C-alpha atoms as a PDB file:
ATOM      1  CA  UNK A   1     134.612  86.876 112.950  1.00  0.00           C
ATOM      2  CA  UNK A   2     133.596  88.815 115.662  1.00  0.00           C
ATOM      3  CA  UNK A   3     130.389  87.312 116.443  1.00  0.00           C
ATOM      4  CA  UNK A   4     131.831  83.795 116.171  1.00  0.00           C
ATOM      5  CA  UNK A   5     135.046  84.407 118.632  1.00  0.00           C
ATOM      6  CA  UNK A   6     132.443  86.279 120.870  1.00  0.00           C
ATOM      7  CA  UNK A   7     130.412  83.018 120.957  1.00  0.00           C
ATOM      8  CA  UNK A   8     133.288  81.058 121.480  1.00  0.00           C
ATOM      9  CA  UNK A   9     134.177  82.753 124.352  1.00  0.00           C
ATOM     10  CA  UNK A  10     131.168  83.306 126.183  1.00  0.00           C
ATOM     11  CA  UNK A  11     130.907  79.259 125.804  1.00  0.00           C
ATOM     12  CA  UNK A  12     134.818  78.338 126.919  1.00  0.00           C
ATOM     13  CA  UNK A  13     135.667  81.065 129.875  1.00  0.00           C
ATOM     14  CA  UNK A  14     137.132  78.728 132.541  1.00  0.00           C
ATOM     15  CA  UNK A  15     135.867  80.529 135.781  1.00  0.00           C
ATOM     16  CA  UNK A  16     136.902  78.295 138.280  1.00  0.00           C
ATOM     17  CA  UNK A  17     140.326  79.824 137.870  1.00  0.00           C
ATOM     18  CA  UNK A  18     139.123  83.328 138.186  1.00  0.00           C
ATOM     19  CA  UNK A  19     136.848  82.522 141.356  1.00  0.00           C
ATOM     20  CA  UNK A  20     139.781  80.789 143.072  1.00  0.00           C
ATOM     21  CA  UNK A  21     142.142  84.388 142.625  1.00  0.00           C
ATOM     22  CA  UNK A  22     139.718  86.242 144.331  1.00  0.00           C
ATOM     23  CA  UNK A  23     139.145  86.112 148.305  1.00  0.00           C
ATOM     24  CA  UNK A  24     135.653  87.171 149.450  1.00  0.00           C
ATOM     25  CA  UNK A  25     134.661  90.645 150.085  1.00  0.00           C
ATOM     26  CA  UNK A  26     134.947  91.334 153.903  1.00  0.00           C
ATOM     27  CA  UNK A  27     131.729  91.105 155.893  1.00  0.00           C
ATOM     28  CA  UNK A  28     129.850  93.936 155.729  1.00  0.00           C
ATOM     29  CA  UNK A  29     126.817  95.949 154.297  1.00  0.00           C
ATOM     30  CA  UNK A  30     126.632  95.168 150.294  1.00  0.00           C
ATOM     31  CA  UNK A  31     125.198  98.208 148.699  1.00  0.00           C
ATOM     32  CA  UNK A  32     123.021  96.816 145.886  1.00  0.00           C
ATOM     33  CA  UNK A  33     122.356  98.770 142.505  1.00  0.00           C
ATOM     34  CA  UNK A  34     118.706  99.803 141.473  1.00  0.00           C
ATOM     35  CA  UNK A  35     118.960  97.850 138.192  1.00  0.00           C
ATOM     36  CA  UNK A  36     120.188  94.790 139.840  1.00  0.00           C
ATOM     37  CA  UNK A  37     117.171  92.135 139.080  1.00  0.00           C
ATOM     38  CA  UNK A  38     115.871  90.077 136.347  1.00  0.00           C
ATOM     39  CA  UNK A  39     112.002  89.883 136.758  1.00  0.00           C
ATOM     40  CA  UNK A  40     110.237  93.025 137.892  1.00  0.00           C
ATOM     41  CA  UNK A  41     108.301  90.422 140.499  1.00  0.00           C
ATOM     42  CA  UNK A  42     111.594  90.766 142.824  1.00  0.00           C
ATOM     43  CA  UNK A  43     113.741  93.894 143.171  1.00  0.00           C
ATOM     44  CA  UNK A  44     116.759  92.817 144.622  1.00  0.00           C
ATOM     45  CA  UNK A  45     117.360  95.923 147.108  1.00  0.00           C
ATOM     46  CA  UNK A  46     114.267  94.569 149.463  1.00  0.00           C
ATOM     47  CA  UNK A  47     116.401  91.292 150.245  1.00  0.00           C
ATOM     48  CA  UNK A  48     118.018  90.780 153.780  1.00  0.00           C
ATOM     49  CA  UNK A  49     121.220  89.335 153.036  1.00  0.00           C
ATOM     50  CA  UNK A  50     123.510  87.872 150.378  1.00  0.00           C
ATOM     51  CA  UNK A  51     122.361  84.533 150.754  1.00  0.00           C
ATOM     52  CA  UNK A  52     119.131  85.383 150.385  1.00  0.00           C
ATOM     53  CA  UNK A  53     119.872  87.288 146.886  1.00  0.00           C
ATOM     54  CA  UNK A  54     121.741  84.111 145.862  1.00  0.00           C
ATOM     55  CA  UNK A  55     118.836  81.842 146.742  1.00  0.00           C
ATOM     56  CA  UNK A  56     116.277  84.285 144.523  1.00  0.00           C
ATOM     57  CA  UNK A  57     118.928  84.644 141.585  1.00  0.00           C
ATOM     58  CA  UNK A  58     119.033  80.690 141.646  1.00  0.00           C
ATOM     59  CA  UNK A  59     115.316  80.791 141.475  1.00  0.00           C
ATOM     60  CA  UNK A  60     115.023  83.674 139.104  1.00  0.00           C
ATOM     61  CA  UNK A  61     117.593  82.311 136.740  1.00  0.00           C
ATOM     62  CA  UNK A  62     115.303  79.311 136.087  1.00  0.00           C
ATOM     63  CA  UNK A  63     113.175  81.345 134.214  1.00  0.00           C
ATOM     64  CA  UNK A  64     115.625  81.644 131.395  1.00  0.00           C
ATOM     65  CA  UNK A  65     117.822  78.745 131.441  1.00  0.00           C
ATOM     66  CA  UNK A  66     118.157  75.665 132.535  1.00  0.00           C
ATOM     67  CA  UNK A  67     120.512  73.107 133.264  1.00  0.00           C
ATOM     68  CA  UNK A  68     122.613  75.012 136.029  1.00  0.00           C
ATOM     69  CA  UNK A  69     121.737  73.995 139.580  1.00  0.00           C
ATOM     70  CA  UNK A  70     122.413  77.960 141.053  1.00  0.00           C
ATOM     71  CA  UNK A  71     124.996  80.794 140.771  1.00  0.00           C
ATOM     72  CA  UNK A  72     127.894  78.281 141.393  1.00  0.00           C
ATOM     73  CA  UNK A  73     127.101  76.271 138.559  1.00  0.00           C
ATOM     74  CA  UNK A  74     126.424  78.882 135.649  1.00  0.00           C
ATOM     75  CA  UNK A  75     129.237  80.736 136.988  1.00  0.00           C
ATOM     76  CA  UNK A  76     131.200  77.811 136.619  1.00  0.00           C
ATOM     77  CA  UNK A  77     129.853  77.268 132.962  1.00  0.00           C
ATOM     78  CA  UNK A  78     130.475  76.874 130.580  1.00  0.00           C
ATOM     79  CA  UNK A  79     127.110  78.447 129.088  1.00  0.00           C
ATOM     80  CA  UNK A  80     126.115  76.078 126.593  1.00  0.00           C
ATOM     81  CA  UNK A  81     125.435  73.640 129.035  1.00  0.00           C
ATOM     82  CA  UNK A  82     122.296  75.164 129.764  1.00  0.00           C
ATOM     83  CA  UNK A  83     119.112  75.438 127.795  1.00  0.00           C
ATOM     84  CA  UNK A  84     117.529  78.303 127.249  1.00  0.00           C
ATOM     85  CA  UNK A  85     114.092  79.490 127.199  1.00  0.00           C
ATOM     86  CA  UNK A  86     114.368  80.553 123.682  1.00  0.00           C
ATOM     87  CA  UNK A  87     116.767  81.711 121.094  1.00  0.00           C
ATOM     88  CA  UNK A  88     115.924  85.646 121.119  1.00  0.00           C
ATOM     89  CA  UNK A  89     118.935  87.833 121.724  1.00  0.00           C
ATOM     90  CA  UNK A  90     117.091  89.350 124.646  1.00  0.00           C
ATOM     91  CA  UNK A  91     117.317  85.967 126.241  1.00  0.00           C
ATOM     92  CA  UNK A  92     120.914  85.650 125.423  1.00  0.00           C
ATOM     93  CA  UNK A  93     121.419  88.732 126.944  1.00  0.00           C
ATOM     94  CA  UNK A  94     119.570  88.219 130.028  1.00  0.00           C
ATOM     95  CA  UNK A  95     121.583  84.734 130.986  1.00  0.00           C
ATOM     96  CA  UNK A  96     124.856  86.162 130.292  1.00  0.00           C
ATOM     97  CA  UNK A  97     123.831  89.113 132.688  1.00  0.00           C
ATOM     98  CA  UNK A  98     122.653  86.676 134.960  1.00  0.00           C
ATOM     99  CA  UNK A  99     125.893  84.405 134.732  1.00  0.00           C
ATOM    100  CA  UNK A 100     127.541  87.925 135.832  1.00  0.00           C
ATOM    101  CA  UNK A 101     124.823  88.604 138.521  1.00  0.00           C
ATOM    102  CA  UNK A 102     126.100  85.138 139.972  1.00  0.00           C
ATOM    103  CA  UNK A 103     129.740  86.099 139.806  1.00  0.00           C
ATOM    104  CA  UNK A 104     129.453  89.063 141.545  1.00  0.00           C
ATOM    105  CA  UNK A 105     127.206  88.059 144.510  1.00  0.00           C
ATOM    106  CA  UNK A 106     129.285  84.655 145.219  1.00  0.00           C
ATOM    107  CA  UNK A 107     132.198  87.592 145.795  1.00  0.00           C
ATOM    108  CA  UNK A 108     130.803  88.595 148.893  1.00  0.00           C
ATOM    109  CA  UNK A 109     130.285  86.659 152.349  1.00  0.00           C
ATOM    110  CA  UNK A 110     126.897  84.756 152.216  1.00  0.00           C
ATOM    111  CA  UNK A 111     126.172  86.035 155.680  1.00  0.00           C
ATOM    112  CA  UNK A 112     126.513  89.829 154.578  1.00  0.00           C
ATOM    113  CA  UNK A 113     123.887  92.279 154.822  1.00  0.00           C
ATOM    114  CA  UNK A 114     122.441  94.008 152.295  1.00  0.00           C
ATOM    115  CA  UNK A 115     120.745  97.767 151.647  1.00  0.00           C
ATOM    116  CA  UNK A 116     120.401  99.706 148.648  1.00  0.00           C
ATOM    117  CA  UNK A 117     123.204 101.783 146.978  1.00  0.00           C
ATOM    118  CA  UNK A 118     121.945 105.373 147.879  1.00  0.00           C
ATOM    119  CA  UNK A 119     123.050 108.587 146.414  1.00  0.00           C
ATOM    120  CA  UNK A 120     127.000 107.733 147.398  1.00  0.00           C
ATOM    121  CA  UNK A 121     127.758 105.201 144.889  1.00  0.00           C
ATOM    122  CA  UNK A 122     127.613 105.908 141.534  1.00  0.00           C
ATOM    123  CA  UNK A 123     128.721 105.300 137.667  1.00  0.00           C
ATOM    124  CA  UNK A 124     131.311 108.014 137.237  1.00  0.00           C
ATOM    125  CA  UNK A 125     132.904 109.194 133.992  1.00  0.00           C
ATOM    126  CA  UNK A 126     136.344 108.138 135.092  1.00  0.00           C
ATOM    127  CA  UNK A 127     135.062 104.827 135.828  1.00  0.00           C
ATOM    128  CA  UNK A 128     133.842 104.321 132.236  1.00  0.00           C
ATOM    129  CA  UNK A 129     137.138 105.798 130.868  1.00  0.00           C
ATOM    130  CA  UNK A 130     139.037 103.055 132.847  1.00  0.00           C
ATOM    131  CA  UNK A 131     136.999 100.598 131.906  1.00  0.00           C
ATOM    132  CA  UNK A 132     137.517 101.297 128.409  1.00  0.00           C
ATOM    133  CA  UNK A 133     141.146 101.942 128.790  1.00  0.00           C
ATOM    134  CA  UNK A 134     141.527  98.269 130.566  1.00  0.00           C
ATOM    135  CA  UNK A 135     139.340  97.024 127.356  1.00  0.00           C
ATOM    136  CA  UNK A 136     141.557  98.525 125.082  1.00  0.00           C
ATOM    137  CA  UNK A 137     144.585  96.831 126.488  1.00  0.00           C
ATOM    138  CA  UNK A 138     143.331  93.521 126.624  1.00  0.00           C
ATOM    139  CA  UNK A 139     142.498  93.953 122.926  1.00  0.00           C
ATOM    140  CA  UNK A 140     146.075  95.218 121.943  1.00  0.00           C
ATOM    141  CA  UNK A 141     147.539  92.217 124.228  1.00  0.00           C
ATOM    142  CA  UNK A 142     145.222  89.303 122.780  1.00  0.00           C
ATOM    143  CA  UNK A 143     143.523  88.674 119.199  1.00  0.00           C
ATOM    144  CA  UNK A 144     140.324  86.660 120.612  1.00  0.00           C
ATOM    145  CA  UNK A 145     139.923  89.789 123.338  1.00  0.00           C
ATOM    146  CA  UNK A 146     140.118  92.086 119.630  1.00  0.00           C
ATOM    147  CA  UNK A 147     137.798  90.229 118.557  1.00  0.00           C
ATOM    148  CA  UNK A 148     135.574  90.456 121.097  1.00  0.00           C
ATOM    149  CA  UNK A 149     135.759  93.794 123.188  1.00  0.00           C
ATOM    150  CA  UNK A 150     134.284  96.857 121.921  1.00  0.00           C
ATOM    151  CA  UNK A 151     136.374 100.063 122.187  1.00  0.00           C
ATOM    152  CA  UNK A 152     136.461 103.169 120.418  1.00  0.00           C
ATOM    153  CA  UNK A 153     138.435 106.631 121.428  1.00  0.00           C
ATOM    154  CA  UNK A 154     135.894 109.176 122.312  1.00  0.00           C
ATOM    155  CA  UNK A 155     132.324 108.600 122.509  1.00  0.00           C
ATOM    156  CA  UNK A 156     129.577 110.318 124.710  1.00  0.00           C
ATOM    157  CA  UNK A 157     128.511 109.331 127.609  1.00  0.00           C
ATOM    158  CA  UNK A 158     124.458 109.864 128.762  1.00  0.00           C
ATOM    159  CA  UNK A 159     123.201 108.423 131.957  1.00  0.00           C
ATOM    160  CA  UNK A 160     119.652 107.673 133.066  1.00  0.00           C
ATOM    161  CA  UNK A 161     120.333 107.890 136.244  1.00  0.00           C
ATOM    162  CA  UNK A 162     123.725 107.767 138.878  1.00  0.00           C
ATOM    163  CA  UNK A 163     123.829 103.764 138.287  1.00  0.00           C
ATOM    164  CA  UNK A 164     122.874 103.132 135.010  1.00  0.00           C
ATOM    165  CA  UNK A 165     125.117 104.789 132.015  1.00  0.00           C
ATOM    166  CA  UNK A 166     125.740 104.394 128.043  1.00  0.00           C
ATOM    167  CA  UNK A 167     128.910 104.911 125.993  1.00  0.00           C
ATOM    168  CA  UNK A 168     128.146 105.923 122.566  1.00  0.00           C
ATOM    169  CA  UNK A 169     130.014 106.347 119.419  1.00  0.00           C
ATOM    170  CA  UNK A 170     129.714 109.782 117.685  1.00  0.00           C
ATOM    171  CA  UNK A 171     129.641 108.706 114.250  1.00  0.00           C
ATOM    172  CA  UNK A 172     126.197 110.408 113.364  1.00  0.00           C
ATOM    173  CA  UNK A 173     123.871 107.161 112.601  1.00  0.00           C
ATOM    174  CA  UNK A 174     120.874 106.514 114.810  1.00  0.00           C
ATOM    175  CA  UNK A 175     121.417 104.309 116.673  1.00  0.00           C
ATOM    176  CA  UNK A 176     124.945 104.248 116.876  1.00  0.00           C
ATOM    177  CA  UNK A 177     127.151 101.527 115.429  1.00  0.00           C
ATOM    178  CA  UNK A 178     128.985 101.153 118.817  1.00  0.00           C
ATOM    179  CA  UNK A 179     127.698 101.685 122.610  1.00  0.00           C
ATOM    180  CA  UNK A 180     128.727 100.156 125.761  1.00  0.00           C
ATOM    181  CA  UNK A 181     126.261  99.910 128.470  1.00  0.00           C
ATOM    182  CA  UNK A 182     127.420 100.203 132.351  1.00  0.00           C
ATOM    183  CA  UNK A 183     125.173  99.069 135.190  1.00  0.00           C
ATOM    184  CA  UNK A 184     125.771  98.614 139.115  1.00  0.00           C
ATOM    185  CA  UNK A 185     125.835  95.410 139.888  1.00  0.00           C
ATOM    186  CA  UNK A 186     126.729  96.157 143.909  1.00  0.00           C
ATOM    187  CA  UNK A 187     129.444  98.151 146.256  1.00  0.00           C
ATOM    188  CA  UNK A 188     131.175  96.633 148.915  1.00  0.00           C
ATOM    189  CA  UNK A 189     133.671  99.074 150.698  1.00  0.00           C
ATOM    190  CA  UNK A 190     135.738 100.304 148.322  1.00  0.00           C
ATOM    191  CA  UNK A 191     135.013  97.781 145.309  1.00  0.00           C
ATOM    192  CA  UNK A 192     132.127  98.389 142.994  1.00  0.00           C
ATOM    193  CA  UNK A 193     131.017  95.696 140.469  1.00  0.00           C
ATOM    194  CA  UNK A 194     129.381  96.963 136.756  1.00  0.00           C
ATOM    195  CA  UNK A 195     127.809  94.787 134.187  1.00  0.00           C
ATOM    196  CA  UNK A 196     128.836  95.754 130.937  1.00  0.00           C
ATOM    197  CA  UNK A 197     126.788  95.201 128.183  1.00  0.00           C
ATOM    198  CA  UNK A 198     127.913  95.796 124.316  1.00  0.00           C
ATOM    199  CA  UNK A 199     125.525  97.185 122.029  1.00  0.00           C
ATOM    200  CA  UNK A 200     125.887  97.108 118.280  1.00  0.00           C
ATOM    201  CA  UNK A 201     123.436  98.926 115.910  1.00  0.00           C
ATOM    202  CA  UNK A 202     121.550  98.988 119.234  1.00  0.00           C
ATOM    203  CA  UNK A 203     121.256  95.166 119.564  1.00  0.00           C
ATOM    204  CA  UNK A 204     123.169  93.838 122.880  1.00  0.00           C
ATOM    205  CA  UNK A 205     125.689  91.580 122.451  1.00  0.00           C
ATOM    206  CA  UNK A 206     128.448  90.540 124.652  1.00  0.00           C
ATOM    207  CA  UNK A 207     128.115  90.881 128.448  1.00  0.00           C
ATOM    208  CA  UNK A 208     130.228  90.786 130.776  1.00  0.00           C
ATOM    209  CA  UNK A 209     131.429  91.873 134.471  1.00  0.00           C
ATOM    210  CA  UNK A 210     134.003  94.189 136.077  1.00  0.00           C
ATOM    211  CA  UNK A 211     135.220  94.208 139.575  1.00  0.00           C
ATOM    212  CA  UNK A 212     136.164  97.936 139.914  1.00  0.00           C
ATOM    213  CA  UNK A 213     138.562  99.335 142.807  1.00  0.00           C
ATOM    214  CA  UNK A 214     138.088 103.134 144.245  1.00  0.00           C
ATOM    215  CA  UNK A 215     141.644 104.777 145.264  1.00  0.00           C
ATOM    216  CA  UNK A 216     142.530 108.211 145.880  1.00  0.00           C
ATOM    217  CA  UNK A 217     144.120 108.367 142.303  1.00  0.00           C
ATOM    218  CA  UNK A 218     140.467 107.432 140.883  1.00  0.00           C
ATOM    219  CA  UNK A 219     140.532 103.912 140.487  1.00  0.00           C
ATOM    220  CA  UNK A 220     141.509 101.157 138.580  1.00  0.00           C
ATOM    221  CA  UNK A 221     139.578  97.713 137.168  1.00  0.00           C
ATOM    222  CA  UNK A 222     141.264  94.599 139.031  1.00  0.00           C
ATOM    223  CA  UNK A 223     139.188  91.951 137.471  1.00  0.00           C
ATOM    224  CA  UNK A 224     136.768  91.040 134.808  1.00  0.00           C
ATOM    225  CA  UNK A 225     134.972  88.228 134.150  1.00  0.00           C
ATOM    226  CA  UNK A 226     134.769  85.700 132.197  1.00  0.00           C
ATOM    227  CA  UNK A 227     138.533  85.853 132.100  1.00  0.00           C
ATOM    228  CA  UNK A 228     139.767  83.230 130.160  1.00  0.00           C
ATOM    229  CA  UNK A 229     143.232  84.243 131.332  1.00  0.00           C
END
């Protein structure tokens, strides 16, 4: 039931309403995360503007899925309009990730300059806990979300660097039954865009994006994507 509901949500979420609810981020430097790239040939931190990143992402997308003209089209979805390169789970995860990257990039002014994220931008335990708390609230309020989002109390946070962390269920299994990966996509002003990948028994599943707003109180989730609500 979980998998069926997750696939249904991925294929049918309407992103248009989500996009209209967001104002473009203020023009300024956009700090690009080190793990924001779909292919090893193109490191997006080396590009100069948001528009260049979107152009490159539009091109790289075609290596994994065809049928979408570019970022606006894949964000608007649904995903089942596209034709994946192959039926492998890794390809499905990459296509979902590309859709989230596209969602993040179109929130910003195309003319905005980009730079590497740098040491001042990181994924913190407070951010991870805030995202999970938001997922728990969505799950409690809606049956479809409860069958889609991975949530669990406690857990162990491990980070490979300041921009990539994993929250794992401490169940004594290897790999654990449930894990959630967090990757920084970009930061602009007081906002962070995070790629969230759910992992079940070591296998990636549903991928979604979070827009996190920093504040004096620590911060909060301001929106997620896809968001059928």
